[in-house]
Amino acid sequence: MNGKHDQTLKRAATASRGQRVTDSALILPLVGIILFLLPIMWPRSSDLDPVAGTATSTALIYLFVVWAGLICCALGLAFVIKRFGVGRR
């Protein structure tokens, strides 16, 4: 009976872990939107004082890095979801 109880606990832990990963995958687009909108709040550099703001090239590099990071996160979450078999009944 002890072995059956251990299997039940392992199954519950795996299901809980899979649910957390699924929740992370659902939140990822919201995190992406917030990260993509951050450069809008950065001060812009002007012709009068170019040091005071952020250059457009810096903002574009930031957006590219965020985009690549989101792709890597989504890929990692996809592998983890596949490993845990989340969504299969």
Protein backbone atom coordinates (compact mmCIF):
# COMPACT_ATOMS: atom_id res chain seq x y z
CA MET A 1 0.00 0.00 0.00
CA ASN A 2 2.93 2.32 0.65
CA GLY A 3 4.15 1.98 -2.95
CA LYS A 4 0.72 2.90 -4.28
CA HIS A 5 0.67 5.99 -2.07
CA ASP A 6 4.12 7.03 -3.35
CA GLN A 7 2.94 6.69 -6.96
CA THR A 8 -0.08 8.83 -6.21
CA LEU A 9 2.11 11.53 -4.66
CA LYS A 10 4.50 11.48 -7.63
CA ARG A 11 1.62 11.72 -10.07
CA ALA A 12 0.15 14.67 -8.15
CA ALA A 13 3.53 16.43 -8.04
CA THR A 14 4.00 15.93 -11.77
CA ALA A 15 0.51 17.26 -12.49
CA SER A 16 1.16 20.29 -10.29
CA ARG A 17 4.48 20.97 -12.02
CA GLY A 18 2.83 20.64 -15.41
CA GLN A 19 0.10 23.07 -14.40
CA ARG A 20 2.69 25.65 -13.35
CA VAL A 21 4.47 25.29 -16.68
CA THR A 22 1.18 25.69 -18.54
CA ASP A 23 0.41 28.82 -16.52
CA SER A 24 3.85 30.18 -17.41
CA ALA A 25 3.17 29.57 -21.10
CA LEU A 26 -0.12 31.46 -20.82
CA ILE A 27 1.52 34.45 -19.13
CA LEU A 28 4.41 34.66 -21.62
CA PRO A 29 2.51 36.80 -24.21
CA LEU A 30 1.55 39.32 -21.52
CA VAL A 31 5.18 39.56 -20.39
CA GLY A 32 6.17 40.04 -24.04
CA ILE A 33 3.70 42.89 -24.51
CA ILE A 34 4.96 44.66 -21.40
CA LEU A 35 8.60 44.24 -22.47
CA PHE A 36 7.84 45.47 -26.00
CA LEU A 37 6.11 48.59 -24.67
CA LEU A 38 8.93 49.60 -22.31
CA PRO A 39 10.90 51.58 -24.95
CA ILE A 40 7.90 53.89 -25.36
CA MET A 41 8.53 55.19 -21.83
CA TRP A 42 12.26 55.77 -22.38
CA PRO A 43 13.28 59.40 -22.88
CA ARG A 44 14.17 60.19 -26.47
CA SER A 45 17.42 61.76 -27.45
CA SER A 46 17.07 65.15 -29.08
CA ASP A 47 19.34 67.26 -31.21
CA LEU A 48 19.85 69.68 -28.33
CA ASP A 49 20.97 67.09 -25.77
CA PRO A 50 21.78 63.69 -27.32
CA VAL A 51 23.21 62.32 -24.06
CA ALA A 52 19.96 62.77 -22.10
CA GLY A 53 17.90 60.23 -24.03
CA THR A 54 18.00 56.82 -25.61
CA ALA A 55 18.97 56.40 -29.24
CA THR A 56 16.64 54.66 -31.66
CA SER A 57 19.31 52.09 -32.43
CA THR A 58 19.50 51.16 -28.74
CA ALA A 59 15.73 50.71 -28.60
CA LEU A 60 15.79 48.51 -31.72
CA ILE A 61 18.58 46.35 -30.28
CA TYR A 62 16.55 46.02 -27.07
CA LEU A 63 13.45 44.97 -29.04
CA PHE A 64 15.43 42.38 -30.99
CA VAL A 65 16.92 40.92 -27.80
CA VAL A 66 13.48 40.77 -26.15
CA TRP A 67 12.03 39.12 -29.27
CA ALA A 68 14.80 36.49 -29.33
CA GLY A 69 14.42 35.93 -25.58
CA LEU A 70 10.68 35.36 -25.91
CA ILE A 71 11.29 32.82 -28.67
CA CYS A 72 13.81 30.98 -26.49
CA CYS A 73 11.44 31.00 -23.52
CA ALA A 74 8.56 29.70 -25.65
CA LEU A 75 10.79 26.96 -27.05
CA GLY A 76 11.92 25.93 -23.58
CA LEU A 77 8.35 25.91 -22.28
CA ALA A 78 7.25 23.83 -25.27
CA PHE A 79 9.88 21.19 -24.50
CA VAL A 80 8.91 21.11 -20.83
CA ILE A 81 5.20 20.86 -21.66
CA LYS A 82 5.95 18.03 -24.07
CA ARG A 83 8.00 16.26 -21.40
CA PHE A 84 5.26 16.44 -18.79
CA GLY A 85 2.54 15.58 -21.30
CA VAL A 86 0.35 18.48 -20.19
CA GLY A 87 -2.99 18.55 -21.92
CA ARG A 88 -3.10 14.81 -22.55
CA ARG A 89 -5.79 12.83 -20.83
